[in-house]
Amino acid sequence: MSASITSKLLLLALVAFAFGVSAQSASAQRGGKAEPNRITVGSRETVVRGRLANGQEMEYVFTAKAGSVITIKNSRPSAFDFRVFSEEADVETEFESSPTLTLTLPQDGDYFFFVRKKAGGPRTANFSLTLKID
């Protein structure tokens, strides 16, 4: 194969790879499954912030030890609700609309934390929730 053909094939492969990565990222932004954002939750408050449209969710994951007591504070309970989930630890809260939730986590491992924009009110809004483990 000549150097010119090899160069063209290499360029074509690079363009195809770049397009595939770009399409995968765009899919996640339009509601496709993306990896959750890993956050560190400990004795100091961890604040998660973002902007969501009606019905959209943001997903986080954190690690905790058995017996940890997590407190979650929602600064805008009229616009956002949240839930905690772990299949391994058999924990699943309903979407919570209260300003504060305290929950004892039963085992070591990863826990998922979802924030959801409620329908109604402004179409999009900013959220800010605080998580802390005692």
C-alpha atoms as a PDB file:
ATOM      1  CA  MET A   1       0.000   0.000   0.000  1.00  0.00           C
ATOM      2  CA  SER A   2       1.360   3.419  -0.835  1.00  0.00           C
ATOM      3  CA  ALA A   3       2.078   6.005   1.879  1.00  0.00           C
ATOM      4  CA  SER A   4      -0.657   8.256   0.470  1.00  0.00           C
ATOM      5  CA  ILE A   5      -3.358   5.577   0.775  1.00  0.00           C
ATOM      6  CA  THR A   6      -2.150   4.601   4.252  1.00  0.00           C
ATOM      7  CA  SER A   7      -2.291   8.243   5.359  1.00  0.00           C
ATOM      8  CA  LYS A   8      -5.806   8.648   3.983  1.00  0.00           C
ATOM      9  CA  LEU A   9      -7.017   5.469   5.698  1.00  0.00           C
ATOM     10  CA  LEU A  10      -5.479   6.586   8.999  1.00  0.00           C
ATOM     11  CA  LEU A  11      -7.129   9.992   8.680  1.00  0.00           C
ATOM     12  CA  LEU A  12     -10.472   8.361   7.862  1.00  0.00           C
ATOM     13  CA  ALA A  13     -10.168   6.079  10.932  1.00  0.00           C
ATOM     14  CA  LEU A  14      -9.379   9.055  13.193  1.00  0.00           C
ATOM     15  CA  VAL A  15     -12.366  11.025  11.876  1.00  0.00           C
ATOM     16  CA  ALA A  16     -14.667   8.017  12.394  1.00  0.00           C
ATOM     17  CA  PHE A  17     -13.389   7.559  15.955  1.00  0.00           C
ATOM     18  CA  ALA A  18     -13.840  11.262  16.770  1.00  0.00           C
ATOM     19  CA  PHE A  19     -17.375  11.195  15.349  1.00  0.00           C
ATOM     20  CA  GLY A  20     -18.238   8.127  17.448  1.00  0.00           C
ATOM     21  CA  VAL A  21     -17.005   9.746  20.677  1.00  0.00           C
ATOM     22  CA  SER A  22     -18.882  12.964  19.854  1.00  0.00           C
ATOM     23  CA  ALA A  23     -22.117  11.085  19.091  1.00  0.00           C
ATOM     24  CA  GLN A  24     -21.836   9.092  22.327  1.00  0.00           C
ATOM     25  CA  SER A  25     -21.417  12.304  24.359  1.00  0.00           C
ATOM     26  CA  ALA A  26     -24.360  13.953  22.594  1.00  0.00           C
ATOM     27  CA  SER A  27     -26.527  10.896  23.289  1.00  0.00           C
ATOM     28  CA  ALA A  28     -25.837  11.170  27.016  1.00  0.00           C
ATOM     29  CA  GLN A  29     -26.717  14.873  26.951  1.00  0.00           C
ATOM     30  CA  ARG A  30     -30.064  14.117  25.286  1.00  0.00           C
ATOM     31  CA  GLY A  31     -31.128  11.624  27.923  1.00  0.00           C
ATOM     32  CA  GLY A  32     -29.049   8.603  26.996  1.00  0.00           C
ATOM     33  CA  LYS A  33     -27.480   6.672  29.860  1.00  0.00           C
ATOM     34  CA  ALA A  34     -24.374   8.396  31.172  1.00  0.00           C
ATOM     35  CA  GLU A  35     -22.158   7.476  34.081  1.00  0.00           C
ATOM     36  CA  PRO A  36     -23.270   9.062  37.372  1.00  0.00           C
ATOM     37  CA  ASN A  37     -21.189  11.870  38.845  1.00  0.00           C
ATOM     38  CA  ARG A  38     -19.044  10.488  41.691  1.00  0.00           C
ATOM     39  CA  ILE A  39     -19.096  12.721  44.759  1.00  0.00           C
ATOM     40  CA  THR A  40     -17.365  12.464  48.121  1.00  0.00           C
ATOM     41  CA  VAL A  41     -19.720  12.753  51.082  1.00  0.00           C
ATOM     42  CA  GLY A  42     -18.267  12.942  54.564  1.00  0.00           C
ATOM     43  CA  SER A  43     -18.384  14.909  57.796  1.00  0.00           C
ATOM     44  CA  ARG A  44     -17.985  18.166  55.890  1.00  0.00           C
ATOM     45  CA  GLU A  45     -20.963  19.300  53.822  1.00  0.00           C
ATOM     46  CA  THR A  46     -20.917  18.382  50.145  1.00  0.00           C
ATOM     47  CA  VAL A  47     -23.016  20.642  47.933  1.00  0.00           C
ATOM     48  CA  VAL A  48     -24.318  19.470  44.558  1.00  0.00           C
ATOM     49  CA  ARG A  49     -25.546  22.127  42.170  1.00  0.00           C
ATOM     50  CA  GLY A  50     -26.955  22.098  38.696  1.00  0.00           C
ATOM     51  CA  ARG A  51     -29.738  23.116  36.363  1.00  0.00           C
ATOM     52  CA  LEU A  52     -32.529  20.817  35.218  1.00  0.00           C
ATOM     53  CA  ALA A  53     -35.668  21.073  33.090  1.00  0.00           C
ATOM     54  CA  ASN A  54     -39.052  19.626  34.096  1.00  0.00           C
ATOM     55  CA  GLY A  55     -38.798  15.843  34.534  1.00  0.00           C
ATOM     56  CA  GLN A  56     -35.018  15.711  34.118  1.00  0.00           C
ATOM     57  CA  GLU A  57     -32.807  13.934  36.644  1.00  0.00           C
ATOM     58  CA  MET A  58     -29.185  14.263  37.674  1.00  0.00           C
ATOM     59  CA  GLU A  59     -27.514  11.133  39.068  1.00  0.00           C
ATOM     60  CA  TYR A  60     -24.686  10.966  41.581  1.00  0.00           C
ATOM     61  CA  VAL A  61     -22.940   8.118  43.378  1.00  0.00           C
ATOM     62  CA  PHE A  62     -21.138   8.176  46.711  1.00  0.00           C
ATOM     63  CA  THR A  63     -19.494   5.618  48.991  1.00  0.00           C
ATOM     64  CA  ALA A  64     -20.496   5.157  52.634  1.00  0.00           C
ATOM     65  CA  LYS A  65     -19.766   2.821  55.544  1.00  0.00           C
ATOM     66  CA  ALA A  66     -22.354   0.671  57.327  1.00  0.00           C
ATOM     67  CA  GLY A  67     -24.191   2.613  60.020  1.00  0.00           C
ATOM     68  CA  SER A  68     -23.391   6.018  58.501  1.00  0.00           C
ATOM     69  CA  VAL A  69     -26.134   8.568  59.016  1.00  0.00           C
ATOM     70  CA  ILE A  70     -26.578  10.814  55.987  1.00  0.00           C
ATOM     71  CA  THR A  71     -28.463  14.104  56.114  1.00  0.00           C
ATOM     72  CA  ILE A  72     -29.654  15.648  52.859  1.00  0.00           C
ATOM     73  CA  LYS A  73     -30.925  19.228  52.703  1.00  0.00           C
ATOM     74  CA  ASN A  74     -32.923  20.479  49.734  1.00  0.00           C
ATOM     75  CA  SER A  75     -32.923  24.269  49.366  1.00  0.00           C
ATOM     76  CA  ARG A  76     -35.835  24.200  46.855  1.00  0.00           C
ATOM     77  CA  PRO A  77     -38.240  21.385  47.813  1.00  0.00           C
ATOM     78  CA  SER A  78     -41.070  22.993  45.841  1.00  0.00           C
ATOM     79  CA  ALA A  79     -39.061  22.643  42.602  1.00  0.00           C
ATOM     80  CA  PHE A  80     -36.884  19.557  43.188  1.00  0.00           C
ATOM     81  CA  ASP A  81     -37.128  16.189  44.875  1.00  0.00           C
ATOM     82  CA  PHE A  82     -34.492  13.527  45.467  1.00  0.00           C
ATOM     83  CA  ARG A  83     -33.990   9.875  46.382  1.00  0.00           C
ATOM     84  CA  VAL A  84     -31.271   7.510  47.606  1.00  0.00           C
ATOM     85  CA  PHE A  85     -30.879   4.032  46.122  1.00  0.00           C
ATOM     86  CA  SER A  86     -28.607   1.004  46.563  1.00  0.00           C
ATOM     87  CA  GLU A  87     -29.564  -2.376  45.150  1.00  0.00           C
ATOM     88  CA  GLU A  88     -26.751  -4.117  47.068  1.00  0.00           C
ATOM     89  CA  ALA A  89     -27.818  -2.580  50.409  1.00  0.00           C
ATOM     90  CA  ASP A  90     -31.547  -2.980  49.663  1.00  0.00           C
ATOM     91  CA  VAL A  91     -32.150   0.751  50.150  1.00  0.00           C
ATOM     92  CA  GLU A  92     -34.603   2.682  48.019  1.00  0.00           C
ATOM     93  CA  THR A  93     -36.341   5.821  49.181  1.00  0.00           C
ATOM     94  CA  GLU A  94     -39.240   7.332  47.309  1.00  0.00           C
ATOM     95  CA  PHE A  95     -38.604  10.703  45.687  1.00  0.00           C
ATOM     96  CA  GLU A  96     -38.453  12.963  48.730  1.00  0.00           C
ATOM     97  CA  SER A  97     -39.889  16.492  48.665  1.00  0.00           C
ATOM     98  CA  SER A  98     -39.095  17.523  52.217  1.00  0.00           C
ATOM     99  CA  PRO A  99     -36.423  20.125  52.978  1.00  0.00           C
ATOM    100  CA  THR A 100     -34.390  17.605  55.048  1.00  0.00           C
ATOM    101  CA  LEU A 101     -33.996  13.817  55.124  1.00  0.00           C
ATOM    102  CA  THR A 102     -31.875  11.828  57.589  1.00  0.00           C
ATOM    103  CA  LEU A 103     -31.206   8.188  56.729  1.00  0.00           C
ATOM    104  CA  THR A 104     -29.043   5.435  58.278  1.00  0.00           C
ATOM    105  CA  LEU A 105     -27.167   3.511  55.583  1.00  0.00           C
ATOM    106  CA  PRO A 106     -27.133  -0.235  56.326  1.00  0.00           C
ATOM    107  CA  GLN A 107     -23.882  -1.434  54.746  1.00  0.00           C
ATOM    108  CA  ASP A 108     -20.570  -0.469  53.179  1.00  0.00           C
ATOM    109  CA  GLY A 109     -20.760   0.360  49.500  1.00  0.00           C
ATOM    110  CA  ASP A 110     -21.909   2.723  46.786  1.00  0.00           C
ATOM    111  CA  TYR A 111     -25.202   4.580  47.025  1.00  0.00           C
ATOM    112  CA  PHE A 112     -26.911   6.401  44.174  1.00  0.00           C
ATOM    113  CA  PHE A 113     -28.408   9.836  44.740  1.00  0.00           C
ATOM    114  CA  PHE A 114     -30.888  11.258  42.229  1.00  0.00           C
ATOM    115  CA  VAL A 115     -32.127  14.854  41.962  1.00  0.00           C
ATOM    116  CA  ARG A 116     -35.241  15.457  39.831  1.00  0.00           C
ATOM    117  CA  LYS A 117     -36.897  18.666  38.613  1.00  0.00           C
ATOM    118  CA  LYS A 118     -40.611  18.552  39.374  1.00  0.00           C
ATOM    119  CA  ALA A 119     -43.166  19.452  36.727  1.00  0.00           C
ATOM    120  CA  GLY A 120     -44.731  22.870  37.099  1.00  0.00           C
ATOM    121  CA  GLY A 121     -43.181  26.166  37.975  1.00  0.00           C
ATOM    122  CA  PRO A 122     -40.416  27.439  35.730  1.00  0.00           C
ATOM    123  CA  ARG A 123     -39.471  25.117  32.888  1.00  0.00           C
ATOM    124  CA  THR A 124     -35.838  25.021  34.039  1.00  0.00           C
ATOM    125  CA  ALA A 125     -34.360  25.863  37.420  1.00  0.00           C
ATOM    126  CA  ASN A 126     -31.146  25.666  39.418  1.00  0.00           C
ATOM    127  CA  PHE A 127     -30.830  23.235  42.319  1.00  0.00           C
ATOM    128  CA  SER A 128     -28.559  23.111  45.332  1.00  0.00           C
ATOM    129  CA  LEU A 129     -28.617  20.175  47.758  1.00  0.00           C
ATOM    130  CA  THR A 130     -26.303  19.545  50.691  1.00  0.00           C
ATOM    131  CA  LEU A 131     -25.217  16.072  51.823  1.00  0.00           C
ATOM    132  CA  LYS A 132     -23.358  15.267  55.031  1.00  0.00           C
ATOM    133  CA  ILE A 133     -22.484  12.013  56.823  1.00  0.00           C
ATOM    134  CA  ASP A 134     -22.217  12.018  60.600  1.00  0.00           C
END
